[in-house]
Amino acid sequence: MRVRPPTGAPLDVYVRPAQREAPRVPTMVGVAWALLVVNTLGSQQVVTVLSIPRPVMQVVTMGSMAVAFVLALLVNPRVRIRPSAYLLLLTLLALMSVVGSSSLESGLGALFRWGRLMIFVATLWLLSYWWDGTLTLVRKHIKALMAVLVTVAAGLVVAPGLALPDEYGGRLVGAVWPIAAPQVGQYAAVAAGLVFVLWLSKSTDARSAVLIGGPAVVLLLLSHTRTATIGLLVGLAVASLSLLLTSVRARRAFTRGIICVGVVAVAFGPAVEAWLQRGQDSENFASLTGRAKTWDALLAAPRTWAEQTFGVGLSNKSFNGLPIDNSWLSVYHEQGLVGVVLVALFVITLLMVAALRPPSPSRACAIFLIVYCIASSYTESGLGDASPYLLHLVVAASLCVPTASNSPKPLQRSVE
């Protein structure tokens, strides 16, 4: 399309208009995102400073989802959305989940969880209009995670006995709002990992990295969460590799990181091993705190063709009263082989799209989040239902959107 210059204007070229810039992100989008994070907090059986009745906790978490949807609809009344393969596959997963849930093998709660998942996905579609491939959503995500971690730190200061309970092996939990140790570790690892990647790519300063990443790492270590720690290390390693060709800081940090890991492994090997074992005997450690026994029982359980294909419906991620603690087996149990295929497709799609993007801070953050979720999926559930893991992948998907900076440059030609 030609752009005609004004009559008499000394212009000897015409240009094709560049891609339209992404719209400015309204404040309500950030509020809606924070409410989605609140919705995924859950209501764990943890003793808190002020006793919070379970119905109240459920009203807060479930209510935050409804408010987030309303805010997303108010800020996007014309329902403008951005195409996304990730959201499309996630929508198919949500729609397919009604087949297993409608059988009511998991009780009426399965249909309630299915409705929650549908509202969750609908809210994400409404917010997708503001996905622009920049670090905007990354920064909002870090702020939301740090707000949760501030409540955990406050509980540690106010009531250290409740925050580090003996019945949980002295692991850090939320004493203000009931947050289990694995979830504390997850939020801390993701917040620390993202801010470190931003620092490696020179998208934030050292002061911010220390003030945010430092306390987050301390909370991670106090939570004694092995999955989150391994996910953080693996995610940072892969994200650093994606920056090696474009960042001197990343190359130096990667080299020094390998040296530090080697020194720690040699000099503090027994202490690291004791931290990883968490006082467990060799049999319990080898079975991943009993997870392997639950996995074997789940796979050995007889299933009908429908149950194997579509699952038994959305549940509380448990089998025979024991937590499954594996995203792939949880999806297989609840959404069947069809669900496993859809989850694998959106994870692989995100990873391939991120890998094919030009080197940038956005690409590095996306790779960190995807690798972290893949590493954590082995001993944590959440890839098939409304959860923090799906929110992490949403941030990664928003970073994979082409921006005006990496779109084709305006075409320039001489006028005859």
Protein backbone atom coordinates (compact mmCIF):
# COMPACT_ATOMS: atom_id res chain seq x y z
CA MET A 1 0.00 0.00 0.00
CA ARG A 2 1.44 3.34 -1.07
CA VAL A 3 1.45 6.39 1.15
CA ARG A 4 1.13 9.48 -1.04
CA PRO A 5 3.21 12.45 0.12
CA PRO A 6 1.50 15.81 0.53
CA THR A 7 1.41 17.91 -2.63
CA GLY A 8 4.70 19.73 -3.06
CA ALA A 9 6.43 17.86 -0.27
CA PRO A 10 10.12 17.20 -0.98
CA LEU A 11 9.76 13.43 -0.42
CA ASP A 12 11.38 11.01 -2.80
CA VAL A 13 10.45 7.72 -1.11
CA TYR A 14 7.28 6.02 -0.08
CA VAL A 15 6.99 3.56 2.76
CA ARG A 16 4.73 0.71 3.75
CA PRO A 17 3.39 1.40 7.25
CA ALA A 18 5.06 -0.69 9.94
CA GLN A 19 3.17 -3.06 12.14
CA ARG A 20 0.89 -1.26 14.54
CA GLU A 21 2.41 -0.79 17.98
CA ALA A 22 1.00 -2.78 20.87
CA PRO A 23 -1.64 -0.98 22.94
CA ARG A 24 -0.70 0.54 26.27
CA VAL A 25 -1.33 -1.85 29.16
CA PRO A 26 -4.07 -0.50 31.47
CA THR A 27 -3.72 -0.74 35.23
CA MET A 28 -6.71 -3.07 35.43
CA VAL A 29 -4.82 -5.65 33.39
CA GLY A 30 -2.17 -5.81 36.10
CA VAL A 31 -4.85 -6.06 38.78
CA ALA A 32 -6.59 -8.88 36.93
CA TRP A 33 -3.27 -10.71 36.60
CA ALA A 34 -2.58 -10.35 40.33
CA LEU A 35 -6.04 -11.78 41.06
CA LEU A 36 -5.27 -14.79 38.86
CA VAL A 37 -2.17 -15.39 40.97
CA VAL A 38 -4.31 -15.14 44.13
CA ASN A 39 -6.71 -17.68 42.65
CA THR A 40 -3.93 -20.26 42.29
CA LEU A 41 -2.82 -19.94 45.92
CA GLY A 42 -5.26 -22.62 47.00
CA SER A 43 -6.23 -23.32 50.60
CA GLN A 44 -3.62 -25.55 52.20
CA GLN A 45 -3.89 -27.24 55.59
CA VAL A 46 -1.33 -24.98 57.28
CA VAL A 47 -1.67 -23.39 60.72
CA THR A 48 -1.65 -19.60 60.40
CA VAL A 49 -1.27 -16.69 62.79
CA LEU A 50 -4.97 -15.89 62.50
CA SER A 51 -7.19 -18.90 62.01
CA ILE A 52 -8.89 -18.59 58.62
CA PRO A 53 -11.91 -20.86 58.07
CA ARG A 54 -11.55 -22.98 54.95
CA PRO A 55 -14.80 -21.64 53.39
CA VAL A 56 -13.43 -18.11 53.73
CA MET A 57 -10.20 -19.11 51.99
CA GLN A 58 -12.16 -20.71 49.17
CA VAL A 59 -14.34 -17.64 48.78
CA VAL A 60 -11.23 -15.44 48.52
CA THR A 61 -9.46 -17.64 45.98
CA MET A 62 -12.53 -18.48 43.91
CA GLY A 63 -13.84 -14.93 44.17
CA SER A 64 -10.58 -13.55 42.85
CA MET A 65 -11.09 -15.58 39.67
CA ALA A 66 -14.57 -14.12 39.16
CA VAL A 67 -13.34 -10.57 39.81
CA ALA A 68 -10.40 -11.09 37.43
CA PHE A 69 -12.80 -12.19 34.68
CA VAL A 70 -15.07 -9.19 35.25
CA LEU A 71 -12.12 -6.78 35.19
CA ALA A 72 -10.79 -8.37 32.00
CA LEU A 73 -14.21 -7.99 30.40
CA LEU A 74 -14.52 -4.38 31.53
CA VAL A 75 -11.11 -3.44 30.19
CA ASN A 76 -11.72 -5.35 26.95
CA PRO A 77 -15.47 -4.92 26.28
CA ARG A 78 -15.10 -5.47 22.54
CA VAL A 79 -13.45 -8.85 23.25
CA ARG A 80 -10.35 -8.16 21.17
CA ILE A 81 -7.98 -11.10 21.41
CA ARG A 82 -4.56 -12.01 20.09
CA PRO A 83 -4.15 -15.33 18.28
CA SER A 84 -2.19 -17.83 20.37
CA ALA A 85 -1.43 -21.49 19.70
CA TYR A 86 -0.85 -21.97 23.42
CA LEU A 87 -4.27 -20.60 24.38
CA LEU A 88 -5.94 -22.50 21.55
CA LEU A 89 -4.53 -25.83 22.78
CA LEU A 90 -5.31 -24.91 26.38
CA THR A 91 -8.90 -24.13 25.33
CA LEU A 92 -9.18 -27.52 23.64
CA LEU A 93 -7.87 -29.14 26.84
CA ALA A 94 -10.47 -27.28 28.92
CA LEU A 95 -13.32 -28.18 26.56
CA MET A 96 -12.26 -31.81 26.42
CA SER A 97 -12.09 -31.98 30.23
CA VAL A 98 -15.89 -31.83 30.46
CA VAL A 99 -16.11 -35.36 29.00
CA GLY A 100 -14.39 -36.99 31.97
CA SER A 101 -15.77 -34.53 34.52
CA SER A 102 -19.38 -35.10 33.45
CA SER A 103 -19.09 -38.77 34.43
CA LEU A 104 -18.89 -37.55 38.05
CA GLU A 105 -16.39 -40.25 38.99
CA SER A 106 -14.56 -37.54 40.91
CA GLY A 107 -17.81 -36.17 42.34
CA LEU A 108 -19.67 -32.93 41.68
CA GLY A 109 -16.44 -31.07 42.42
CA ALA A 110 -15.18 -32.16 38.99
CA LEU A 111 -17.78 -30.00 37.23
CA PHE A 112 -17.00 -27.10 39.56
CA ARG A 113 -13.29 -27.39 38.76
CA TRP A 114 -14.12 -27.60 35.06
CA GLY A 115 -16.14 -24.38 35.26
CA ARG A 116 -13.25 -22.71 37.08
CA LEU A 117 -10.86 -23.82 34.35
CA MET A 118 -13.14 -22.43 31.64
CA ILE A 119 -13.37 -19.03 33.36
CA PHE A 120 -9.58 -19.12 33.83
CA VAL A 121 -9.01 -19.71 30.11
CA ALA A 122 -11.61 -17.10 29.10
CA THR A 123 -9.86 -14.51 31.28
CA LEU A 124 -6.53 -15.31 29.64
CA TRP A 125 -8.07 -14.82 26.19
CA LEU A 126 -9.40 -11.40 27.21
CA LEU A 127 -5.97 -10.37 28.54
CA SER A 128 -4.14 -11.71 25.48
CA TYR A 129 -4.86 -8.46 23.62
CA TRP A 130 -2.05 -6.83 25.61
CA TRP A 131 0.56 -9.49 24.89
CA ASP A 132 3.19 -7.57 22.97
CA GLY A 133 6.37 -9.64 23.23
CA THR A 134 7.95 -7.18 25.66
CA LEU A 135 8.85 -7.61 29.32
CA THR A 136 5.72 -5.86 30.61
CA LEU A 137 3.95 -9.02 31.78
CA VAL A 138 7.22 -10.42 33.18
CA ARG A 139 7.55 -7.45 35.50
CA LYS A 140 3.90 -7.70 36.56
CA HIS A 141 4.39 -11.39 37.24
CA ILE A 142 7.47 -10.76 39.37
CA LYS A 143 5.58 -8.11 41.38
CA ALA A 144 2.65 -10.47 41.98
CA LEU A 145 4.93 -13.31 43.09
CA MET A 146 6.94 -11.01 45.36
CA ALA A 147 3.71 -9.75 46.96
CA VAL A 148 2.92 -13.35 47.91
CA LEU A 149 6.46 -13.90 49.18
CA VAL A 150 6.22 -10.75 51.32
CA THR A 151 3.34 -12.37 53.22
CA VAL A 152 5.49 -15.48 53.70
CA ALA A 153 8.39 -13.38 55.00
CA ALA A 154 6.04 -11.46 57.29
CA GLY A 155 4.82 -14.73 58.78
CA LEU A 156 8.42 -15.81 59.33
CA VAL A 157 9.13 -12.61 61.26
CA VAL A 158 5.89 -12.53 63.26
CA ALA A 159 5.56 -16.24 64.05
CA PRO A 160 8.71 -18.21 63.18
CA GLY A 161 7.38 -21.27 65.00
CA LEU A 162 4.34 -21.42 62.73
CA ALA A 163 6.33 -20.51 59.61
CA LEU A 164 8.85 -23.32 60.25
CA PRO A 165 6.64 -26.03 61.80
CA ASP A 166 8.15 -29.26 63.07
CA GLU A 167 5.39 -31.35 61.49
CA TYR A 168 6.65 -30.21 58.07
CA GLY A 169 10.27 -30.90 58.91
CA GLY A 170 11.06 -27.26 59.62
CA ARG A 171 10.27 -26.24 56.03
CA LEU A 172 9.06 -22.68 55.42
CA VAL A 173 5.30 -22.33 54.91
CA GLY A 174 2.95 -19.37 54.80
CA ALA A 175 1.92 -18.36 58.32
CA VAL A 176 -0.18 -15.37 57.20
CA TRP A 177 -1.94 -17.10 54.32
CA PRO A 178 -1.71 -20.93 54.25
CA ILE A 179 0.85 -21.65 51.52
CA ALA A 180 2.57 -25.03 51.47
CA ALA A 181 6.36 -25.27 51.34
CA PRO A 182 6.52 -26.53 47.71
CA GLN A 183 4.46 -23.56 46.55
CA VAL A 184 6.63 -21.13 48.53
CA GLY A 185 9.66 -22.65 46.82
CA GLN A 186 8.03 -22.39 43.41
CA TYR A 187 7.17 -18.69 43.74
CA ALA A 188 10.61 -17.90 45.13
CA ALA A 189 12.44 -19.83 42.40
CA VAL A 190 10.45 -18.25 39.55
CA ALA A 191 10.79 -14.70 40.93
CA ALA A 192 14.53 -15.13 41.52
CA GLY A 193 15.08 -16.80 38.16
CA LEU A 194 13.27 -14.10 36.19
CA VAL A 195 15.06 -11.22 37.89
CA PHE A 196 18.44 -12.94 37.39
CA VAL A 197 17.69 -13.44 33.69
CA LEU A 198 16.72 -9.76 33.40
CA TRP A 199 20.02 -8.85 35.03
CA LEU A 200 22.00 -11.15 32.72
CA SER A 201 20.35 -9.53 29.70
CA LYS A 202 20.96 -6.02 31.11
CA SER A 203 17.22 -5.37 31.44
CA THR A 204 17.51 -4.52 35.13
CA ASP A 205 20.28 -3.27 37.40
CA ALA A 206 22.31 -5.17 39.99
CA ARG A 207 20.51 -3.42 42.85
CA SER A 208 17.12 -4.77 41.77
CA ALA A 209 18.59 -8.22 41.22
CA VAL A 210 20.01 -8.27 44.74
CA LEU A 211 16.97 -6.76 46.47
CA ILE A 212 14.53 -9.14 44.75
CA GLY A 213 16.59 -12.19 43.89
CA GLY A 214 18.51 -12.36 47.17
CA PRO A 215 15.52 -12.62 49.55
CA ALA A 216 13.75 -14.94 47.09
CA VAL A 217 16.69 -17.36 47.14
CA VAL A 218 16.75 -17.26 50.96
CA LEU A 219 13.04 -18.14 51.08
CA LEU A 220 13.63 -20.90 48.54
CA LEU A 221 16.34 -22.47 50.68
CA LEU A 222 14.20 -22.17 53.82
CA SER A 223 11.32 -23.90 52.02
CA HIS A 224 13.68 -26.84 51.40
CA THR A 225 12.03 -27.49 48.03
CA ARG A 226 14.25 -29.68 45.88
CA THR A 227 12.07 -29.50 42.78
CA ALA A 228 12.05 -25.69 42.72
CA THR A 229 15.81 -25.51 43.37
CA ILE A 230 16.63 -27.91 40.54
CA GLY A 231 14.17 -26.13 38.24
CA LEU A 232 15.80 -22.78 39.05
CA LEU A 233 19.31 -24.05 38.32
CA VAL A 234 18.36 -25.86 35.10
CA GLY A 235 16.21 -22.97 33.87
CA LEU A 236 18.94 -20.41 34.53
CA ALA A 237 21.53 -22.59 32.80
CA VAL A 238 19.46 -22.96 29.63
CA ALA A 239 18.41 -19.28 29.64
CA SER A 240 22.05 -18.25 30.03
CA LEU A 241 23.00 -20.43 27.06
CA SER A 242 20.43 -18.58 24.95
CA LEU A 243 22.21 -15.29 25.80
CA LEU A 244 25.81 -16.41 25.29
CA LEU A 245 26.14 -15.05 21.77
CA THR A 246 24.75 -11.61 22.59
CA SER A 247 25.72 -10.87 26.20
CA VAL A 248 29.21 -10.67 27.66
CA ARG A 249 27.66 -10.61 31.13
CA ALA A 250 25.83 -13.88 30.41
CA ARG A 251 29.04 -15.54 29.21
CA ARG A 252 30.91 -14.48 32.32
CA ALA A 253 28.08 -15.46 34.63
CA PHE A 254 27.70 -18.85 32.95
CA THR A 255 31.41 -19.62 33.31
CA ARG A 256 31.55 -18.43 36.90
CA GLY A 257 28.36 -20.30 37.71
CA ILE A 258 29.83 -23.60 36.54
CA ILE A 259 32.94 -22.97 38.62
CA CYS A 260 30.87 -22.08 41.69
CA VAL A 261 28.69 -25.17 41.35
CA GLY A 262 31.80 -27.32 41.07
CA VAL A 263 33.41 -25.71 44.12
CA VAL A 264 30.24 -26.08 46.20
CA ALA A 265 29.83 -29.71 45.15
CA VAL A 266 33.42 -30.53 46.18
CA ALA A 267 33.78 -28.37 49.28
CA PHE A 268 30.27 -28.80 50.69
CA GLY A 269 29.28 -32.14 49.21
CA PRO A 270 28.08 -33.73 52.48
CA ALA A 271 26.07 -30.63 53.42
CA VAL A 272 24.44 -30.48 49.97
CA GLU A 273 23.62 -34.18 50.15
CA ALA A 274 22.08 -33.77 53.61
CA TRP A 275 20.01 -30.81 52.38
CA LEU A 276 18.74 -32.82 49.42
CA GLN A 277 17.86 -35.86 51.54
CA ARG A 278 15.96 -33.78 54.14
CA GLY A 279 16.57 -36.43 56.79
CA GLN A 280 15.03 -39.22 54.71
CA ASP A 281 16.47 -42.71 54.50
CA SER A 282 17.80 -44.03 51.21
CA GLU A 283 14.62 -45.97 50.38
CA ASN A 284 12.34 -42.99 50.94
CA PHE A 285 14.70 -40.71 49.01
CA ALA A 286 14.90 -43.16 46.09
CA SER A 287 11.09 -43.39 45.91
CA LEU A 288 10.84 -39.56 45.84
CA THR A 289 9.14 -39.38 49.26
CA GLY A 290 6.79 -42.20 48.33
CA ARG A 291 5.69 -40.64 45.04
CA ALA A 292 6.93 -43.59 42.98
CA LYS A 293 4.62 -45.99 44.85
CA THR A 294 1.60 -43.79 44.09
CA TRP A 295 2.64 -43.55 40.44
CA ASP A 296 2.96 -47.33 40.11
CA ALA A 297 -0.47 -47.85 41.70
CA LEU A 298 -2.05 -45.25 39.39
CA LEU A 299 -0.60 -46.83 36.26
CA ALA A 300 -1.58 -50.33 37.39
CA ALA A 301 -5.20 -49.40 38.18
CA PRO A 302 -7.74 -50.89 35.72
CA ARG A 303 -9.43 -48.36 33.44
CA THR A 304 -12.19 -48.45 30.88
CA TRP A 305 -11.61 -47.21 27.34
CA ALA A 306 -13.34 -43.92 28.16
CA GLU A 307 -11.30 -43.42 31.34
CA GLN A 308 -8.07 -44.13 29.52
CA THR A 309 -8.95 -41.76 26.68
CA PHE A 310 -10.68 -38.90 28.53
CA GLY A 311 -9.80 -39.50 32.19
CA VAL A 312 -11.99 -39.58 35.28
CA GLY A 313 -12.50 -35.81 35.49
CA LEU A 314 -10.80 -32.94 37.28
CA SER A 315 -10.02 -33.77 40.90
CA ASN A 316 -7.76 -32.59 43.71
CA LYS A 317 -4.74 -34.21 41.99
CA SER A 318 -4.75 -37.27 44.23
CA PHE A 319 -5.10 -41.02 43.79
CA ASN A 320 -6.37 -43.27 46.58
CA GLY A 321 -6.08 -40.31 48.94
CA LEU A 322 -2.40 -39.68 48.13
CA PRO A 323 -1.10 -36.73 46.05
CA ILE A 324 0.01 -37.71 42.55
CA ASP A 325 2.71 -35.01 42.36
CA ASN A 326 3.42 -35.51 38.67
CA SER A 327 1.85 -33.29 36.03
CA TRP A 328 1.83 -35.90 33.30
CA LEU A 329 0.30 -38.64 35.44
CA SER A 330 -2.20 -36.16 36.90
CA VAL A 331 -3.30 -35.18 33.40
CA TYR A 332 -3.47 -38.85 32.36
CA HIS A 333 -5.60 -39.67 35.42
CA GLU A 334 -7.96 -36.70 35.06
CA GLN A 335 -8.00 -35.96 31.31
CA GLY A 336 -6.75 -39.18 29.76
CA LEU A 337 -4.39 -39.72 26.86
CA VAL A 338 -6.08 -36.92 24.91
CA GLY A 339 -5.15 -34.50 27.70
CA VAL A 340 -1.55 -35.74 27.78
CA VAL A 341 -1.24 -35.16 24.03
CA LEU A 342 -2.67 -31.62 24.25
CA VAL A 343 -0.40 -30.66 27.17
CA ALA A 344 2.63 -32.07 25.35
CA LEU A 345 1.65 -30.12 22.23
CA PHE A 346 1.40 -26.72 23.93
CA VAL A 347 4.63 -27.26 25.90
CA ILE A 348 6.55 -28.35 22.77
CA THR A 349 5.01 -25.53 20.72
CA LEU A 350 6.08 -22.91 23.25
CA LEU A 351 9.58 -24.36 23.46
CA MET A 352 10.02 -24.44 19.68
CA VAL A 353 8.67 -20.92 19.15
CA ALA A 354 10.90 -19.54 21.91
CA ALA A 355 13.95 -21.36 20.52
CA LEU A 356 13.35 -19.91 17.04
CA ARG A 357 13.07 -16.31 18.29
CA PRO A 358 16.08 -14.01 17.83
CA PRO A 359 18.26 -13.71 20.98
CA SER A 360 16.71 -11.16 23.35
CA PRO A 361 15.78 -10.68 27.01
CA SER A 362 12.19 -11.72 26.21
CA ARG A 363 13.36 -14.94 24.62
CA ALA A 364 15.64 -15.74 27.58
CA CYS A 365 12.81 -15.20 30.09
CA ALA A 366 10.46 -17.35 28.04
CA ILE A 367 13.02 -20.17 27.85
CA PHE A 368 13.61 -19.99 31.60
CA LEU A 369 9.89 -20.28 32.37
CA ILE A 370 9.30 -23.14 29.92
CA VAL A 371 12.32 -25.13 31.09
CA TYR A 372 11.40 -24.53 34.73
CA CYS A 373 7.88 -25.86 34.18
CA ILE A 374 9.17 -28.90 32.30
CA ALA A 375 11.69 -29.69 35.04
CA SER A 376 9.09 -29.24 37.79
CA SER A 377 6.41 -31.29 36.02
CA TYR A 378 8.13 -34.53 37.08
CA THR A 379 7.35 -34.09 40.78
CA GLU A 380 4.63 -31.39 40.76
CA SER A 381 1.10 -31.32 39.35
CA GLY A 382 -0.50 -28.39 37.58
CA LEU A 383 -0.12 -28.47 33.79
CA GLY A 384 -3.70 -29.60 33.21
CA ASP A 385 -5.68 -27.28 35.47
CA ALA A 386 -5.78 -23.65 36.64
CA SER A 387 -2.44 -23.39 38.43
CA PRO A 388 0.68 -21.22 38.82
CA TYR A 389 2.41 -23.39 36.20
CA LEU A 390 -0.11 -22.43 33.54
CA LEU A 391 0.37 -18.77 34.49
CA HIS A 392 4.14 -19.16 34.09
CA LEU A 393 3.56 -20.58 30.62
CA VAL A 394 1.15 -17.74 29.81
CA VAL A 395 3.97 -15.28 30.54
CA ALA A 396 6.24 -17.32 28.27
CA ALA A 397 3.59 -17.26 25.51
CA SER A 398 3.26 -13.47 25.82
CA LEU A 399 7.02 -13.16 25.34
CA CYS A 400 6.93 -15.20 22.14
CA VAL A 401 4.65 -12.71 20.37
CA PRO A 402 6.47 -10.84 17.55
CA THR A 403 7.10 -7.20 18.42
CA ALA A 404 7.48 -4.17 16.19
CA SER A 405 11.25 -4.38 16.72
CA ASN A 406 11.52 -7.86 15.20
CA SER A 407 8.80 -7.44 12.58
CA PRO A 408 9.79 -6.74 8.95
CA LYS A 409 11.19 -3.27 8.44
CA PRO A 410 9.15 -0.72 6.44
CA LEU A 411 9.63 -1.12 2.69
CA GLN A 412 11.41 1.82 1.04
CA ARG A 413 11.58 2.49 -2.70
CA SER A 414 12.52 5.39 -4.87
CA VAL A 415 9.78 7.25 -6.71
CA GLU A 416 10.20 7.45 -10.43
